Amino acid sequence: MDELERITLEKYNPESGAVYTMLRRMEEKGFVTSEWKKKESRVDRRVYTLTDVGVRVLQEGLEMVKKRSQLMDSLVQFYDTNFTEKEEGT
């Protein structure tokens, strides 16, 4: 949960129940494995690790996100070029 918040610059802070539900589903599909890690001074934690299949699925998903991001960047650039300057000049 902390890592999700950190890598999204604190812009994505999902409910823990939603995250753990998603992790359980990912484990059922073979995308992650989990194990309990004992902590001497704290509560034990369940640690999730991507499997090789999970890594491939993540890579494919991120490639799709990158393509969509490039598309959105192109649309914004088109808008800025064709509409923003005209609106300011009117």
N, C-alpha and C. Protein backbone atom coordinates (compact mmCIF):
# COMPACT_ATOMS: atom_id res chain seq x y z
N MET A 1 0.83 -1.19 0.00
CA MET A 1 0.00 0.00 0.00
C MET A 1 0.88 1.26 0.00
N ASP A 2 1.90 1.24 0.85
CA ASP A 2 2.80 2.39 0.91
C ASP A 2 3.53 2.58 -0.41
N GLU A 3 3.93 1.47 -1.03
CA GLU A 3 4.66 1.54 -2.30
C GLU A 3 3.76 2.10 -3.41
N LEU A 4 2.49 1.70 -3.44
CA LEU A 4 1.55 2.24 -4.43
C LEU A 4 1.42 3.74 -4.27
N GLU A 5 1.31 4.18 -3.05
CA GLU A 5 1.18 5.61 -2.80
C GLU A 5 2.45 6.35 -3.22
N ARG A 6 3.60 5.76 -2.91
CA ARG A 6 4.87 6.41 -3.24
C ARG A 6 5.08 6.53 -4.76
N ILE A 7 4.87 5.43 -5.48
CA ILE A 7 5.16 5.48 -6.92
C ILE A 7 4.13 6.27 -7.71
N THR A 8 2.97 6.55 -7.12
CA THR A 8 1.97 7.37 -7.80
C THR A 8 1.99 8.80 -7.28
N LEU A 9 3.07 9.16 -6.57
CA LEU A 9 3.23 10.50 -6.02
C LEU A 9 2.05 10.91 -5.16
N GLU A 10 1.53 9.94 -4.40
CA GLU A 10 0.42 10.12 -3.46
C GLU A 10 -0.89 10.52 -4.14
N LYS A 11 -1.00 10.27 -5.46
CA LYS A 11 -2.23 10.60 -6.18
C LYS A 11 -3.19 9.41 -6.24
N TYR A 12 -2.74 8.24 -5.84
CA TYR A 12 -3.58 7.04 -5.86
C TYR A 12 -3.45 6.36 -4.51
N ASN A 13 -4.52 6.40 -3.75
CA ASN A 13 -4.52 5.82 -2.42
C ASN A 13 -5.75 4.93 -2.29
N PRO A 14 -5.69 3.71 -2.83
CA PRO A 14 -6.86 2.84 -2.85
C PRO A 14 -7.18 2.28 -1.46
N GLU A 15 -8.41 1.86 -1.30
CA GLU A 15 -8.81 1.20 -0.06
C GLU A 15 -8.07 -0.13 0.04
N SER A 16 -7.63 -0.47 1.24
CA SER A 16 -6.86 -1.69 1.41
C SER A 16 -7.65 -2.94 1.02
N GLY A 17 -8.96 -2.95 1.29
CA GLY A 17 -9.79 -4.09 0.92
C GLY A 17 -9.77 -4.34 -0.58
N ALA A 18 -9.79 -3.27 -1.35
CA ALA A 18 -9.76 -3.40 -2.82
C ALA A 18 -8.43 -3.97 -3.29
N VAL A 19 -7.35 -3.51 -2.68
CA VAL A 19 -6.03 -3.99 -3.07
C VAL A 19 -5.87 -5.47 -2.75
N TYR A 20 -6.28 -5.86 -1.54
CA TYR A 20 -6.11 -7.26 -1.15
C TYR A 20 -7.03 -8.18 -1.95
N THR A 21 -8.20 -7.71 -2.32
CA THR A 21 -9.08 -8.49 -3.20
C THR A 21 -8.40 -8.69 -4.55
N MET A 22 -7.81 -7.64 -5.07
CA MET A 22 -7.12 -7.73 -6.35
C MET A 22 -5.92 -8.67 -6.25
N LEU A 23 -5.17 -8.59 -5.16
CA LEU A 23 -4.02 -9.49 -4.99
C LEU A 23 -4.44 -10.95 -4.89
N ARG A 24 -5.54 -11.21 -4.20
CA ARG A 24 -6.04 -12.60 -4.12
C ARG A 24 -6.43 -13.11 -5.51
N ARG A 25 -7.09 -12.27 -6.29
CA ARG A 25 -7.47 -12.68 -7.65
C ARG A 25 -6.24 -12.91 -8.52
N MET A 26 -5.23 -12.05 -8.35
CA MET A 26 -4.00 -12.23 -9.12
C MET A 26 -3.29 -13.52 -8.72
N GLU A 27 -3.38 -13.87 -7.44
CA GLU A 27 -2.76 -15.12 -6.99
C GLU A 27 -3.50 -16.32 -7.56
N GLU A 28 -4.83 -16.24 -7.61
CA GLU A 28 -5.62 -17.34 -8.19
C GLU A 28 -5.28 -17.56 -9.66
N LYS A 29 -4.93 -16.48 -10.36
CA LYS A 29 -4.60 -16.58 -11.78
C LYS A 29 -3.12 -16.93 -12.01
N GLY A 30 -2.35 -16.99 -10.94
CA GLY A 30 -0.94 -17.34 -11.07
C GLY A 30 -0.02 -16.17 -11.37
N PHE A 31 -0.50 -14.95 -11.19
CA PHE A 31 0.31 -13.77 -11.48
C PHE A 31 1.24 -13.41 -10.32
N VAL A 32 0.84 -13.77 -9.09
CA VAL A 32 1.67 -13.51 -7.91
C VAL A 32 1.63 -14.72 -7.00
N THR A 33 2.62 -14.81 -6.13
CA THR A 33 2.60 -15.78 -5.04
C THR A 33 2.66 -14.97 -3.75
N SER A 34 2.28 -15.59 -2.64
CA SER A 34 2.35 -14.88 -1.37
C SER A 34 2.86 -15.80 -0.28
N GLU A 35 3.45 -15.19 0.73
CA GLU A 35 3.89 -15.94 1.90
C GLU A 35 3.90 -14.99 3.09
N TRP A 36 3.72 -15.58 4.26
CA TRP A 36 3.76 -14.80 5.49
C TRP A 36 5.20 -14.62 5.92
N LYS A 37 5.57 -13.39 6.28
CA LYS A 37 6.89 -13.07 6.80
C LYS A 37 6.75 -12.72 8.27
N LYS A 38 7.51 -13.40 9.09
CA LYS A 38 7.50 -13.14 10.54
C LYS A 38 8.29 -11.88 10.84
N LYS A 39 7.74 -11.06 11.71
CA LYS A 39 8.40 -9.84 12.18
C LYS A 39 8.51 -9.93 13.68
N GLU A 40 9.69 -9.72 14.19
CA GLU A 40 9.89 -9.85 15.64
C GLU A 40 9.13 -8.79 16.43
N SER A 41 9.24 -7.55 16.02
CA SER A 41 8.66 -6.48 16.81
C SER A 41 7.34 -5.95 16.26
N ARG A 42 6.89 -6.49 15.13
CA ARG A 42 5.65 -6.01 14.52
C ARG A 42 4.77 -7.18 14.14
N VAL A 43 3.61 -6.83 13.61
CA VAL A 43 2.67 -7.84 13.14
C VAL A 43 3.24 -8.53 11.90
N ASP A 44 3.03 -9.84 11.80
CA ASP A 44 3.47 -10.57 10.61
C ASP A 44 2.83 -9.95 9.37
N ARG A 45 3.54 -10.04 8.24
CA ARG A 45 3.04 -9.45 6.99
C ARG A 45 2.99 -10.51 5.91
N ARG A 46 1.98 -10.36 5.06
CA ARG A 46 1.89 -11.22 3.87
C ARG A 46 2.63 -10.48 2.76
N VAL A 47 3.59 -11.14 2.15
CA VAL A 47 4.41 -10.53 1.10
C VAL A 47 4.06 -11.19 -0.23
N TYR A 48 3.81 -10.35 -1.22
CA TYR A 48 3.44 -10.82 -2.56
C TYR A 48 4.61 -10.64 -3.51
N THR A 49 4.80 -11.64 -4.39
CA THR A 49 5.88 -11.61 -5.37
C THR A 49 5.32 -11.96 -6.74
N LEU A 50 5.72 -11.18 -7.74
CA LEU A 50 5.29 -11.47 -9.11
C LEU A 50 5.90 -12.78 -9.60
N THR A 51 5.10 -13.57 -10.29
CA THR A 51 5.61 -14.77 -10.95
C THR A 51 6.09 -14.36 -12.36
N ASP A 52 6.72 -15.29 -13.07
CA ASP A 52 7.14 -15.00 -14.44
C ASP A 52 5.94 -14.65 -15.31
N VAL A 53 4.84 -15.36 -15.12
CA VAL A 53 3.61 -15.06 -15.87
C VAL A 53 3.13 -13.66 -15.51
N GLY A 54 3.17 -13.33 -14.23
CA GLY A 54 2.74 -12.00 -13.77
C GLY A 54 3.59 -10.89 -14.37
N VAL A 55 4.88 -11.13 -14.49
CA VAL A 55 5.77 -10.14 -15.09
C VAL A 55 5.39 -9.91 -16.54
N ARG A 56 5.12 -11.00 -17.29
CA ARG A 56 4.73 -10.86 -18.70
C ARG A 56 3.41 -10.10 -18.83
N VAL A 57 2.45 -10.42 -17.99
CA VAL A 57 1.15 -9.74 -18.03
C VAL A 57 1.33 -8.26 -17.71
N LEU A 58 2.16 -7.96 -16.72
CA LEU A 58 2.43 -6.57 -16.35
C LEU A 58 3.09 -5.82 -17.50
N GLN A 59 4.08 -6.44 -18.14
CA GLN A 59 4.76 -5.80 -19.27
C GLN A 59 3.79 -5.51 -20.40
N GLU A 60 2.93 -6.48 -20.73
CA GLU A 60 1.95 -6.28 -21.81
C GLU A 60 0.98 -5.16 -21.45
N GLY A 61 0.53 -5.16 -20.21
CA GLY A 61 -0.39 -4.11 -19.77
C GLY A 61 0.25 -2.74 -19.81
N LEU A 62 1.50 -2.65 -19.39
CA LEU A 62 2.18 -1.36 -19.39
C LEU A 62 2.46 -0.87 -20.81
N GLU A 63 2.74 -1.78 -21.72
CA GLU A 63 2.91 -1.37 -23.13
C GLU A 63 1.61 -0.76 -23.65
N MET A 64 0.48 -1.36 -23.31
CA MET A 64 -0.81 -0.82 -23.73
C MET A 64 -1.04 0.57 -23.11
N VAL A 65 -0.70 0.72 -21.84
CA VAL A 65 -0.86 2.02 -21.17
C VAL A 65 0.03 3.07 -21.84
N LYS A 66 1.27 2.69 -22.18
CA LYS A 66 2.18 3.63 -22.84
C LYS A 66 1.61 4.09 -24.19
N LYS A 67 1.03 3.16 -24.95
CA LYS A 67 0.44 3.52 -26.24
C LYS A 67 -0.73 4.47 -26.05
N ARG A 68 -1.57 4.19 -25.05
CA ARG A 68 -2.71 5.07 -24.78
C ARG A 68 -2.23 6.44 -24.32
N SER A 69 -1.17 6.47 -23.53
CA SER A 69 -0.61 7.74 -23.07
C SER A 69 -0.10 8.56 -24.25
N GLN A 70 0.58 7.89 -25.19
CA GLN A 70 1.07 8.58 -26.38
C GLN A 70 -0.10 9.12 -27.20
N LEU A 71 -1.18 8.36 -27.30
CA LEU A 71 -2.37 8.81 -28.01
C LEU A 71 -2.95 10.05 -27.33
N MET A 72 -3.06 10.02 -26.02
CA MET A 72 -3.60 11.17 -25.29
C MET A 72 -2.71 12.39 -25.47
N ASP A 73 -1.38 12.19 -25.41
CA ASP A 73 -0.45 13.30 -25.63
C ASP A 73 -0.64 13.90 -27.01
N SER A 74 -0.84 13.06 -28.03
CA SER A 74 -1.07 13.55 -29.38
C SER A 74 -2.37 14.34 -29.47
N LEU A 75 -3.42 13.86 -28.82
CA LEU A 75 -4.69 14.58 -28.83
C LEU A 75 -4.59 15.93 -28.12
N VAL A 76 -3.88 15.98 -27.02
CA VAL A 76 -3.69 17.24 -26.30
C VAL A 76 -2.88 18.20 -27.15
N GLN A 77 -1.84 17.70 -27.79
CA GLN A 77 -1.03 18.56 -28.66
C GLN A 77 -1.87 19.10 -29.81
N PHE A 78 -2.70 18.26 -30.40
CA PHE A 78 -3.60 18.69 -31.48
C PHE A 78 -4.53 19.78 -30.98
N TYR A 79 -5.11 19.57 -29.81
CA TYR A 79 -6.02 20.57 -29.23
C TYR A 79 -5.29 21.89 -29.01
N ASP A 80 -4.11 21.81 -28.37
CA ASP A 80 -3.35 23.03 -28.08
C ASP A 80 -3.00 23.78 -29.36
N THR A 81 -2.61 23.05 -30.39
CA THR A 81 -2.21 23.67 -31.65
C THR A 81 -3.39 24.28 -32.39
N ASN A 82 -4.53 23.59 -32.39
CA ASN A 82 -5.64 24.01 -33.23
C ASN A 82 -6.72 24.82 -32.54
N PHE A 83 -6.79 24.77 -31.23
CA PHE A 83 -7.88 25.44 -30.55
C PHE A 83 -7.44 26.46 -29.51
N THR A 84 -6.40 26.20 -28.79
CA THR A 84 -6.02 27.09 -27.70
C THR A 84 -5.62 28.46 -28.23
N GLU A 85 -4.78 28.50 -29.25
CA GLU A 85 -4.34 29.78 -29.78
C GLU A 85 -5.49 30.56 -30.38
N LYS A 86 -6.43 29.87 -31.04
CA LYS A 86 -7.58 30.53 -31.65
C LYS A 86 -8.49 31.13 -30.59
N GLU A 87 -8.68 30.41 -29.46
CA GLU A 87 -9.54 30.91 -28.39
C GLU A 87 -8.93 32.15 -27.77
N GLU A 88 -7.60 32.17 -27.58
CA GLU A 88 -6.94 33.30 -26.97
C GLU A 88 -6.98 34.52 -27.88
N GLY A 89 -6.97 34.31 -29.18
CA GLY A 89 -6.97 35.40 -30.14
C GLY A 89 -8.36 35.98 -30.39
N THR A 90 -9.41 35.30 -29.99
CA THR A 90 -10.76 35.77 -30.27
C THR A 90 -11.26 36.71 -29.25
